[in-house]
Amino acid sequence: MERRLGVVGIVVEDRKKTARQVNQILSEHGEIIAGRLGLPYRERNISVIALIVDGTTDEIGSLTGKLGMVNGVQVCSSLIRK
């Protein structure tokens, strides 16, 4: 299958409640994560995570789909063919 390169943006509304579940999902998909940057945005009471991913659309879709099912987590992605 063709691999894609892209960015996945994750916004976490209640870090204390969802951190364990989010990190578990990220660990399960660690083989497609090339880089990760996470920042607490205290002024808005959220956390923001940016991932650089390199994988098939199925692999990236599995990651974003599982994250999107977590209450209080929003996900968006942008992928290119490379």
PDB file of N, CA and C in Angstrom:
ATOM      1  N   MET A   1       0.835  -1.194   0.000  1.00  0.00           N
ATOM      2  CA  MET A   1       0.000   0.000   0.000  1.00  0.00           C
ATOM      3  C   MET A   1       0.876   1.252   0.000  1.00  0.00           C
ATOM      4  N   GLU A   2       0.330   2.294  -0.576  1.00  0.00           N
ATOM      5  CA  GLU A   2       1.027   3.576  -0.647  1.00  0.00           C
ATOM      6  C   GLU A   2       1.058   4.240   0.725  1.00  0.00           C
ATOM      7  N   ARG A   3       2.215   4.787   1.052  1.00  0.00           N
ATOM      8  CA  ARG A   3       2.367   5.483   2.328  1.00  0.00           C
ATOM      9  C   ARG A   3       2.099   6.971   2.146  1.00  0.00           C
ATOM     10  N   ARG A   4       1.645   7.586   3.218  1.00  0.00           N
ATOM     11  CA  ARG A   4       1.354   9.024   3.244  1.00  0.00           C
ATOM     12  C   ARG A   4       2.180   9.674   4.350  1.00  0.00           C
ATOM     13  N   LEU A   5       2.494  10.921   4.139  1.00  0.00           N
ATOM     14  CA  LEU A   5       3.173  11.740   5.137  1.00  0.00           C
ATOM     15  C   LEU A   5       2.208  12.844   5.522  1.00  0.00           C
ATOM     16  N   GLY A   6       2.139  13.171   6.798  1.00  0.00           N
ATOM     17  CA  GLY A   6       1.203  14.219   7.184  1.00  0.00           C
ATOM     18  C   GLY A   6       1.328  14.669   8.617  1.00  0.00           C
ATOM     19  N   VAL A   7       0.385  15.522   8.981  1.00  0.00           N
ATOM     20  CA  VAL A   7       0.303  16.091  10.321  1.00  0.00           C
ATOM     21  C   VAL A   7      -1.068  15.760  10.900  1.00  0.00           C
ATOM     22  N   VAL A   8      -1.075  15.346  12.154  1.00  0.00           N
ATOM     23  CA  VAL A   8      -2.323  15.096  12.876  1.00  0.00           C
ATOM     24  C   VAL A   8      -2.355  16.069  14.050  1.00  0.00           C
ATOM     25  N   GLY A   9      -3.408  16.862  14.115  1.00  0.00           N
ATOM     26  CA  GLY A   9      -3.597  17.791  15.230  1.00  0.00           C
ATOM     27  C   GLY A   9      -4.631  17.231  16.196  1.00  0.00           C
ATOM     28  N   ILE A  10      -4.303  17.270  17.483  1.00  0.00           N
ATOM     29  CA  ILE A  10      -5.178  16.719  18.517  1.00  0.00           C
ATOM     30  C   ILE A  10      -5.397  17.788  19.583  1.00  0.00           C
ATOM     31  N   VAL A  11      -6.658  18.041  19.923  1.00  0.00           N
ATOM     32  CA  VAL A  11      -6.994  18.966  21.007  1.00  0.00           C
ATOM     33  C   VAL A  11      -7.676  18.156  22.100  1.00  0.00           C
ATOM     34  N   VAL A  12      -7.116  18.233  23.309  1.00  0.00           N
ATOM     35  CA  VAL A  12      -7.620  17.476  24.455  1.00  0.00           C
ATOM     36  C   VAL A  12      -8.216  18.459  25.451  1.00  0.00           C
ATOM     37  N   GLU A  13      -9.510  18.300  25.741  1.00  0.00           N
ATOM     38  CA  GLU A  13     -10.202  19.249  26.615  1.00  0.00           C
ATOM     39  C   GLU A  13      -9.985  18.975  28.108  1.00  0.00           C
ATOM     40  N   ASP A  14      -9.911  17.735  28.514  1.00  0.00           N
ATOM     41  CA  ASP A  14      -9.731  17.392  29.927  1.00  0.00           C
ATOM     42  C   ASP A  14      -8.583  16.393  30.052  1.00  0.00           C
ATOM     43  N   ARG A  15      -7.366  16.926  30.073  1.00  0.00           N
ATOM     44  CA  ARG A  15      -6.170  16.092  30.042  1.00  0.00           C
ATOM     45  C   ARG A  15      -6.135  15.065  31.163  1.00  0.00           C
ATOM     46  N   LYS A  16      -6.521  15.465  32.350  1.00  0.00           N
ATOM     47  CA  LYS A  16      -6.471  14.538  33.476  1.00  0.00           C
ATOM     48  C   LYS A  16      -7.387  13.343  33.264  1.00  0.00           C
ATOM     49  N   LYS A  17      -8.499  13.566  32.597  1.00  0.00           N
ATOM     50  CA  LYS A  17      -9.465  12.496  32.376  1.00  0.00           C
ATOM     51  C   LYS A  17      -9.084  11.595  31.203  1.00  0.00           C
ATOM     52  N   THR A  18      -8.433  12.153  30.174  1.00  0.00           N
ATOM     53  CA  THR A  18      -8.210  11.403  28.943  1.00  0.00           C
ATOM     54  C   THR A  18      -6.755  11.054  28.642  1.00  0.00           C
ATOM     55  N   ALA A  19      -5.812  11.570  29.401  1.00  0.00           N
ATOM     56  CA  ALA A  19      -4.388  11.395  29.074  1.00  0.00           C
ATOM     57  C   ALA A  19      -3.987   9.933  28.949  1.00  0.00           C
ATOM     58  N   ARG A  20      -4.410   9.104  29.856  1.00  0.00           N
ATOM     59  CA  ARG A  20      -4.027   7.693  29.818  1.00  0.00           C
ATOM     60  C   ARG A  20      -4.526   7.031  28.532  1.00  0.00           C
ATOM     61  N   GLN A  21      -5.777   7.289  28.176  1.00  0.00           N
ATOM     62  CA  GLN A  21      -6.361   6.684  26.983  1.00  0.00           C
ATOM     63  C   GLN A  21      -5.700   7.213  25.706  1.00  0.00           C
ATOM     64  N   VAL A  22      -5.458   8.508  25.641  1.00  0.00           N
ATOM     65  CA  VAL A  22      -4.801   9.103  24.472  1.00  0.00           C
ATOM     66  C   VAL A  22      -3.395   8.532  24.322  1.00  0.00           C
ATOM     67  N   ASN A  23      -2.634   8.477  25.398  1.00  0.00           N
ATOM     68  CA  ASN A  23      -1.267   7.961  25.318  1.00  0.00           C
ATOM     69  C   ASN A  23      -1.233   6.479  24.960  1.00  0.00           C
ATOM     70  N   GLN A  24      -2.213   5.708  25.403  1.00  0.00           N
ATOM     71  CA  GLN A  24      -2.296   4.294  25.041  1.00  0.00           C
ATOM     72  C   GLN A  24      -2.491   4.145  23.528  1.00  0.00           C
ATOM     73  N   ILE A  25      -3.388   4.939  22.968  1.00  0.00           N
ATOM     74  CA  ILE A  25      -3.644   4.895  21.522  1.00  0.00           C
ATOM     75  C   ILE A  25      -2.396   5.324  20.749  1.00  0.00           C
ATOM     76  N   LEU A  26      -1.727   6.370  21.205  1.00  0.00           N
ATOM     77  CA  LEU A  26      -0.506   6.821  20.541  1.00  0.00           C
ATOM     78  C   LEU A  26       0.579   5.745  20.603  1.00  0.00           C
ATOM     79  N   SER A  27       0.699   5.056  21.721  1.00  0.00           N
ATOM     80  CA  SER A  27       1.682   3.975  21.853  1.00  0.00           C
ATOM     81  C   SER A  27       1.365   2.824  20.906  1.00  0.00           C
ATOM     82  N   GLU A  28       0.087   2.487  20.768  1.00  0.00           N
ATOM     83  CA  GLU A  28      -0.315   1.404  19.865  1.00  0.00           C
ATOM     84  C   GLU A  28       0.046   1.713  18.417  1.00  0.00           C
ATOM     85  N   HIS A  29       0.114   2.988  18.072  1.00  0.00           N
ATOM     86  CA  HIS A  29       0.408   3.399  16.704  1.00  0.00           C
ATOM     87  C   HIS A  29       1.784   4.053  16.583  1.00  0.00           C
ATOM     88  N   GLY A  30       2.650   3.783  17.529  1.00  0.00           N
ATOM     89  CA  GLY A  30       3.961   4.426  17.582  1.00  0.00           C
ATOM     90  C   GLY A  30       4.820   4.218  16.356  1.00  0.00           C
ATOM     91  N   GLU A  31       4.613   3.107  15.638  1.00  0.00           N
ATOM     92  CA  GLU A  31       5.450   2.826  14.472  1.00  0.00           C
ATOM     93  C   GLU A  31       5.211   3.798  13.318  1.00  0.00           C
ATOM     94  N   ILE A  32       4.090   4.515  13.316  1.00  0.00           N
ATOM     95  CA  ILE A  32       3.838   5.482  12.234  1.00  0.00           C
ATOM     96  C   ILE A  32       4.049   6.924  12.688  1.00  0.00           C
ATOM     97  N   ILE A  33       4.389   7.129  13.947  1.00  0.00           N
ATOM     98  CA  ILE A  33       4.601   8.481  14.475  1.00  0.00           C
ATOM     99  C   ILE A  33       6.082   8.828  14.385  1.00  0.00           C
ATOM    100  N   ALA A  34       6.396   9.802  13.517  1.00  0.00           N
ATOM    101  CA  ALA A  34       7.785  10.226  13.339  1.00  0.00           C
ATOM    102  C   ALA A  34       8.175  11.311  14.344  1.00  0.00           C
ATOM    103  N   GLY A  35       7.201  12.078  14.817  1.00  0.00           N
ATOM    104  CA  GLY A  35       7.482  13.151  15.765  1.00  0.00           C
ATOM    105  C   GLY A  35       6.225  13.549  16.514  1.00  0.00           C
ATOM    106  N   ARG A  36       6.438  14.101  17.708  1.00  0.00           N
ATOM    107  CA  ARG A  36       5.305  14.496  18.560  1.00  0.00           C
ATOM    108  C   ARG A  36       5.675  15.751  19.331  1.00  0.00           C
ATOM    109  N   LEU A  37       4.748  16.704  19.357  1.00  0.00           N
ATOM    110  CA  LEU A  37       4.910  17.918  20.144  1.00  0.00           C
ATOM    111  C   LEU A  37       3.627  18.133  20.925  1.00  0.00           C
ATOM    112  N   GLY A  38       3.725  18.253  22.219  1.00  0.00           N
ATOM    113  CA  GLY A  38       2.552  18.471  23.052  1.00  0.00           C
ATOM    114  C   GLY A  38       2.721  19.709  23.914  1.00  0.00           C
ATOM    115  N   LEU A  39       1.666  20.532  23.948  1.00  0.00           N
ATOM    116  CA  LEU A  39       1.713  21.768  24.722  1.00  0.00           C
ATOM    117  C   LEU A  39       0.436  21.950  25.533  1.00  0.00           C
ATOM    118  N   PRO A  40       0.573  22.240  26.821  1.00  0.00           N
ATOM    119  CA  PRO A  40      -0.618  22.631  27.578  1.00  0.00           C
ATOM    120  C   PRO A  40      -0.949  24.088  27.251  1.00  0.00           C
ATOM    121  N   TYR A  41      -2.185  24.357  26.964  1.00  0.00           N
ATOM    122  CA  TYR A  41      -2.627  25.716  26.661  1.00  0.00           C
ATOM    123  C   TYR A  41      -3.504  26.140  27.836  1.00  0.00           C
ATOM    124  N   ARG A  42      -2.861  26.579  28.892  1.00  0.00           N
ATOM    125  CA  ARG A  42      -3.525  26.830  30.173  1.00  0.00           C
ATOM    126  C   ARG A  42      -4.608  27.914  30.087  1.00  0.00           C
ATOM    127  N   GLU A  43      -4.383  28.922  29.251  1.00  0.00           N
ATOM    128  CA  GLU A  43      -5.352  30.007  29.139  1.00  0.00           C
ATOM    129  C   GLU A  43      -6.721  29.509  28.667  1.00  0.00           C
ATOM    130  N   ARG A  44      -6.726  28.408  27.907  1.00  0.00           N
ATOM    131  CA  ARG A  44      -7.983  27.851  27.391  1.00  0.00           C
ATOM    132  C   ARG A  44      -8.350  26.533  28.059  1.00  0.00           C
ATOM    133  N   ASN A  45      -7.512  26.091  28.991  1.00  0.00           N
ATOM    134  CA  ASN A  45      -7.741  24.848  29.722  1.00  0.00           C
ATOM    135  C   ASN A  45      -7.827  23.633  28.784  1.00  0.00           C
ATOM    136  N   ILE A  46      -6.920  23.601  27.794  1.00  0.00           N
ATOM    137  CA  ILE A  46      -6.822  22.470  26.879  1.00  0.00           C
ATOM    138  C   ILE A  46      -5.356  22.098  26.696  1.00  0.00           C
ATOM    139  N   SER A  47      -5.122  20.961  26.069  1.00  0.00           N
ATOM    140  CA  SER A  47      -3.785  20.573  25.634  1.00  0.00           C
ATOM    141  C   SER A  47      -3.840  20.330  24.139  1.00  0.00           C
ATOM    142  N   VAL A  48      -2.745  20.662  23.465  1.00  0.00           N
ATOM    143  CA  VAL A  48      -2.662  20.495  22.023  1.00  0.00           C
ATOM    144  C   VAL A  48      -1.480  19.589  21.716  1.00  0.00           C
ATOM    145  N   ILE A  49      -1.721  18.586  20.865  1.00  0.00           N
ATOM    146  CA  ILE A  49      -0.665  17.661  20.443  1.00  0.00           C
ATOM    147  C   ILE A  49      -0.590  17.710  18.921  1.00  0.00           C
ATOM    148  N   ALA A  50       0.626  17.843  18.391  1.00  0.00           N
ATOM    149  CA  ALA A  50       0.846  17.776  16.947  1.00  0.00           C
ATOM    150  C   ALA A  50       1.721  16.560  16.666  1.00  0.00           C
ATOM    151  N   LEU A  51       1.276  15.723  15.738  1.00  0.00           N
ATOM    152  CA  LEU A  51       2.025  14.534  15.351  1.00  0.00           C
ATOM    153  C   LEU A  51       2.461  14.640  13.899  1.00  0.00           C
ATOM    154  N   ILE A  52       3.675  14.215  13.598  1.00  0.00           N
ATOM    155  CA  ILE A  52       4.112  13.985  12.228  1.00  0.00           C
ATOM    156  C   ILE A  52       3.967  12.487  12.021  1.00  0.00           C
ATOM    157  N   VAL A  53       3.176  12.083  11.023  1.00  0.00           N
ATOM    158  CA  VAL A  53       2.911  10.662  10.793  1.00  0.00           C
ATOM    159  C   VAL A  53       3.378  10.250   9.405  1.00  0.00           C
ATOM    160  N   ASP A  54       3.767   8.974   9.291  1.00  0.00           N
ATOM    161  CA  ASP A  54       4.204   8.390   8.030  1.00  0.00           C
ATOM    162  C   ASP A  54       3.677   6.966   7.998  1.00  0.00           C
ATOM    163  N   GLY A  55       2.589   6.754   7.239  1.00  0.00           N
ATOM    164  CA  GLY A  55       1.988   5.428   7.201  1.00  0.00           C
ATOM    165  C   GLY A  55       0.957   5.326   6.091  1.00  0.00           C
ATOM    166  N   THR A  56       0.318   4.183   6.009  1.00  0.00           N
ATOM    167  CA  THR A  56      -0.746   4.017   5.022  1.00  0.00           C
ATOM    168  C   THR A  56      -1.988   4.763   5.493  1.00  0.00           C
ATOM    169  N   THR A  57      -2.915   4.982   4.571  1.00  0.00           N
ATOM    170  CA  THR A  57      -4.153   5.652   4.973  1.00  0.00           C
ATOM    171  C   THR A  57      -4.921   4.816   5.985  1.00  0.00           C
ATOM    172  N   ASP A  58      -4.832   3.488   5.884  1.00  0.00           N
ATOM    173  CA  ASP A  58      -5.494   2.630   6.874  1.00  0.00           C
ATOM    174  C   ASP A  58      -4.882   2.804   8.260  1.00  0.00           C
ATOM    175  N   GLU A  59      -3.554   2.843   8.331  1.00  0.00           N
ATOM    176  CA  GLU A  59      -2.879   2.999   9.624  1.00  0.00           C
ATOM    177  C   GLU A  59      -3.190   4.358  10.245  1.00  0.00           C
ATOM    178  N   ILE A  60      -3.113   5.403   9.447  1.00  0.00           N
ATOM    179  CA  ILE A  60      -3.384   6.753   9.954  1.00  0.00           C
ATOM    180  C   ILE A  60      -4.858   6.893  10.314  1.00  0.00           C
ATOM    181  N   GLY A  61      -5.728   6.307   9.504  1.00  0.00           N
ATOM    182  CA  GLY A  61      -7.165   6.336   9.792  1.00  0.00           C
ATOM    183  C   GLY A  61      -7.505   5.614  11.076  1.00  0.00           C
ATOM    184  N   SER A  62      -6.807   4.505  11.352  1.00  0.00           N
ATOM    185  CA  SER A  62      -7.020   3.778  12.606  1.00  0.00           C
ATOM    186  C   SER A  62      -6.648   4.656  13.797  1.00  0.00           C
ATOM    187  N   LEU A  63      -5.502   5.324  13.694  1.00  0.00           N
ATOM    188  CA  LEU A  63      -5.050   6.217  14.762  1.00  0.00           C
ATOM    189  C   LEU A  63      -6.041   7.355  14.992  1.00  0.00           C
ATOM    190  N   THR A  64      -6.388   8.059  13.934  1.00  0.00           N
ATOM    191  CA  THR A  64      -7.271   9.219  14.097  1.00  0.00           C
ATOM    192  C   THR A  64      -8.690   8.801  14.488  1.00  0.00           C
ATOM    193  N   GLY A  65      -9.133   7.668  13.978  1.00  0.00           N
ATOM    194  CA  GLY A  65     -10.463   7.183  14.344  1.00  0.00           C
ATOM    195  C   GLY A  65     -10.580   6.838  15.812  1.00  0.00           C
ATOM    196  N   LYS A  66      -9.567   6.139  16.339  1.00  0.00           N
ATOM    197  CA  LYS A  66      -9.590   5.773  17.762  1.00  0.00           C
ATOM    198  C   LYS A  66      -9.499   7.011  18.647  1.00  0.00           C
ATOM    199  N   LEU A  67      -8.639   7.961  18.262  1.00  0.00           N
ATOM    200  CA  LEU A  67      -8.530   9.192  19.042  1.00  0.00           C
ATOM    201  C   LEU A  67      -9.836   9.977  19.015  1.00  0.00           C
ATOM    202  N   GLY A  68     -10.472  10.031  17.855  1.00  0.00           N
ATOM    203  CA  GLY A  68     -11.712  10.777  17.710  1.00  0.00           C
ATOM    204  C   GLY A  68     -12.872  10.207  18.497  1.00  0.00           C
ATOM    205  N   MET A  69     -12.773   8.956  18.894  1.00  0.00           N
ATOM    206  CA  MET A  69     -13.833   8.328  19.682  1.00  0.00           C
ATOM    207  C   MET A  69     -13.720   8.618  21.175  1.00  0.00           C
ATOM    208  N   VAL A  70     -12.605   9.196  21.597  1.00  0.00           N
ATOM    209  CA  VAL A  70     -12.400   9.526  23.010  1.00  0.00           C
ATOM    210  C   VAL A  70     -13.154  10.817  23.313  1.00  0.00           C
ATOM    211  N   ASN A  71     -14.024  10.775  24.327  1.00  0.00           N
ATOM    212  CA  ASN A  71     -14.760  11.983  24.730  1.00  0.00           C
ATOM    213  C   ASN A  71     -13.798  13.085  25.139  1.00  0.00           C
ATOM    214  N   GLY A  72     -14.042  14.299  24.635  1.00  0.00           N
ATOM    215  CA  GLY A  72     -13.199  15.433  24.976  1.00  0.00           C
ATOM    216  C   GLY A  72     -11.962  15.562  24.114  1.00  0.00           C
ATOM    217  N   VAL A  73     -11.857  14.750  23.034  1.00  0.00           N
ATOM    218  CA  VAL A  73     -10.716  14.816  22.139  1.00  0.00           C
ATOM    219  C   VAL A  73     -11.208  15.136  20.733  1.00  0.00           C
ATOM    220  N   GLN A  74     -10.586  16.114  20.102  1.00  0.00           N
ATOM    221  CA  GLN A  74     -10.877  16.478  18.716  1.00  0.00           C
ATOM    222  C   GLN A  74      -9.635  16.248  17.878  1.00  0.00           C
ATOM    223  N   VAL A  75      -9.812  15.746  16.666  1.00  0.00           N
ATOM    224  CA  VAL A  75      -8.688  15.371  15.822  1.00  0.00           C
ATOM    225  C   VAL A  75      -8.913  15.887  14.404  1.00  0.00           C
ATOM    226  N   CYS A  76      -7.845  16.361  13.773  1.00  0.00           N
ATOM    227  CA  CYS A  76      -7.884  16.663  12.345  1.00  0.00           C
ATOM    228  C   CYS A  76      -6.536  16.280  11.748  1.00  0.00           C
ATOM    229  N   SER A  77      -6.535  15.961  10.470  1.00  0.00           N
ATOM    230  CA  SER A  77      -5.294  15.544   9.837  1.00  0.00           C
ATOM    231  C   SER A  77      -5.179  16.123   8.440  1.00  0.00           C
ATOM    232  N   SER A  78      -3.951  16.235   7.987  1.00  0.00           N
ATOM    233  CA  SER A  78      -3.654  16.672   6.632  1.00  0.00           C
ATOM    234  C   SER A  78      -2.543  15.765   6.118  1.00  0.00           C
ATOM    235  N   LEU A  79      -2.810  15.084   4.989  1.00  0.00           N
ATOM    236  CA  LEU A  79      -1.874  14.097   4.462  1.00  0.00           C
ATOM    237  C   LEU A  79      -1.496  14.419   3.019  1.00  0.00           C
ATOM    238  N   ILE A  80      -0.268  14.031   2.640  1.00  0.00           N
ATOM    239  CA  ILE A  80       0.172  14.153   1.265  1.00  0.00           C
ATOM    240  C   ILE A  80       0.725  12.813   0.812  1.00  0.00           C
ATOM    241  N   ARG A  81       0.777  12.603  -0.489  1.00  0.00           N
ATOM    242  CA  ARG A  81       1.440  11.410  -1.048  1.00  0.00           C
ATOM    243  C   ARG A  81       2.915  11.744  -1.173  1.00  0.00           C
ATOM    244  N   LYS A  82       3.741  10.888  -0.663  1.00  0.00           N
ATOM    245  CA  LYS A  82       5.184  11.106  -0.769  1.00  0.00           C
ATOM    246  C   LYS A  82       5.885   9.799  -0.716  1.00  0.00           C
TER     247      LYS A  82
END
